[in-house]
Amino acid sequence: MQQAAITFSDDLLLSLNMSVNEIVSSMRKEYAAKMYQEGKLTLGQAAEFCGMCLYDFTALLAVQDIPVINYDPEDLDRELLSIGVL
């Protein structure tokens, strides 16, 4: 496992009125949501990255208007055809 370090100035922490742990947690959630939206992480990987269960992570995505299921219309049609719905 690898680690990365980020330095926060005292002024920044004071301005944000957040603890370092709160900032890191927020950053992980935002980054996980973005990486999921871009298709770079699966739903499970993104939830794990930010330390959330799948249910809570999908709720976070909903708040950010990020679809949990993201099908192209053609992909959805093929999927529905394959299971006999269309």
Protein backbone atom coordinates (compact mmCIF):
# COMPACT_ATOMS: atom_id res chain seq x y z
CA MET A 1 0.00 0.00 0.00
CA GLN A 2 1.27 3.45 -0.86
CA GLN A 3 0.61 6.71 0.93
CA ALA A 4 0.62 10.35 -0.10
CA ALA A 5 1.02 13.40 2.09
CA ILE A 6 -0.77 16.73 1.73
CA THR A 7 0.21 19.78 3.73
CA PHE A 8 -2.45 22.21 4.95
CA SER A 9 -1.46 25.60 6.32
CA ASP A 10 -2.98 26.66 9.62
CA ASP A 11 -4.63 29.60 7.82
CA LEU A 12 -6.33 27.24 5.38
CA LEU A 13 -7.58 25.01 8.17
CA LEU A 14 -8.88 28.06 10.02
CA SER A 15 -10.60 29.37 6.87
CA LEU A 16 -12.25 26.04 6.17
CA ASN A 17 -13.19 25.55 9.80
CA MET A 18 -12.59 21.84 9.32
CA SER A 19 -10.20 19.35 10.86
CA VAL A 20 -7.58 17.65 8.72
CA ASN A 21 -9.57 14.40 8.98
CA GLU A 22 -12.74 16.14 7.78
CA ILE A 23 -10.90 17.66 4.81
CA VAL A 24 -9.31 14.35 3.85
CA SER A 25 -12.66 12.55 4.13
CA SER A 26 -14.34 15.17 1.96
CA MET A 27 -11.56 15.01 -0.62
CA ARG A 28 -11.74 11.22 -0.79
CA LYS A 29 -15.51 11.32 -1.33
CA GLU A 30 -15.27 13.93 -4.07
CA TYR A 31 -12.45 12.14 -5.84
CA ALA A 32 -14.16 8.75 -5.58
CA ALA A 33 -17.37 10.18 -7.04
CA LYS A 34 -15.46 11.81 -9.91
CA MET A 35 -13.47 8.66 -10.68
CA TYR A 36 -16.69 6.61 -10.63
CA GLN A 37 -18.43 9.12 -12.91
CA GLU A 38 -15.52 8.94 -15.36
CA GLY A 39 -15.60 5.13 -15.31
CA LYS A 40 -12.13 4.82 -13.76
CA LEU A 41 -13.42 3.06 -10.63
CA THR A 42 -16.25 0.59 -10.19
CA LEU A 43 -19.00 1.39 -7.72
CA GLY A 44 -17.44 -0.97 -5.18
CA GLN A 45 -13.93 0.41 -5.68
CA ALA A 46 -15.11 3.99 -5.31
CA ALA A 47 -17.07 3.19 -2.15
CA GLU A 48 -14.06 1.41 -0.69
CA PHE A 49 -11.75 4.30 -1.63
CA CYS A 50 -13.74 6.73 0.48
CA GLY A 51 -14.52 4.26 3.26
CA MET A 52 -18.26 4.07 2.68
CA CYS A 53 -20.67 1.18 2.27
CA LEU A 54 -22.28 0.82 -1.17
CA TYR A 55 -25.62 2.11 0.09
CA ASP A 56 -24.12 5.31 1.52
CA PHE A 57 -21.93 5.85 -1.53
CA THR A 58 -24.90 5.53 -3.91
CA ALA A 59 -26.72 8.08 -1.72
CA LEU A 60 -23.71 10.40 -2.07
CA LEU A 61 -23.85 9.98 -5.86
CA ALA A 62 -27.57 10.80 -5.84
CA VAL A 63 -26.93 14.03 -3.94
CA GLN A 64 -24.32 14.97 -6.55
CA ASP A 65 -26.67 14.03 -9.45
CA ILE A 66 -24.28 11.32 -10.61
CA PRO A 67 -26.17 8.34 -12.06
CA VAL A 68 -25.41 5.01 -10.42
CA ILE A 69 -26.36 3.16 -13.59
CA ASN A 70 -25.05 4.82 -16.71
CA TYR A 71 -26.10 3.03 -19.90
CA ASP A 72 -25.86 4.38 -23.42
CA PRO A 73 -29.31 4.11 -25.01
CA GLU A 74 -27.94 1.51 -27.44
CA ASP A 75 -26.38 -0.53 -24.64
CA LEU A 76 -29.62 -0.45 -22.70
CA ASP A 77 -31.58 -1.60 -25.77
CA ARG A 78 -29.13 -4.50 -26.31
CA GLU A 79 -29.38 -5.46 -22.64
CA LEU A 80 -33.16 -5.37 -22.66
CA LEU A 81 -33.26 -7.37 -25.90
CA SER A 82 -30.95 -10.00 -24.44
CA ILE A 83 -33.31 -10.63 -21.53
CA GLY A 84 -36.43 -10.53 -23.70
CA VAL A 85 -37.94 -7.30 -22.41
CA LEU A 86 -37.95 -5.61 -25.83
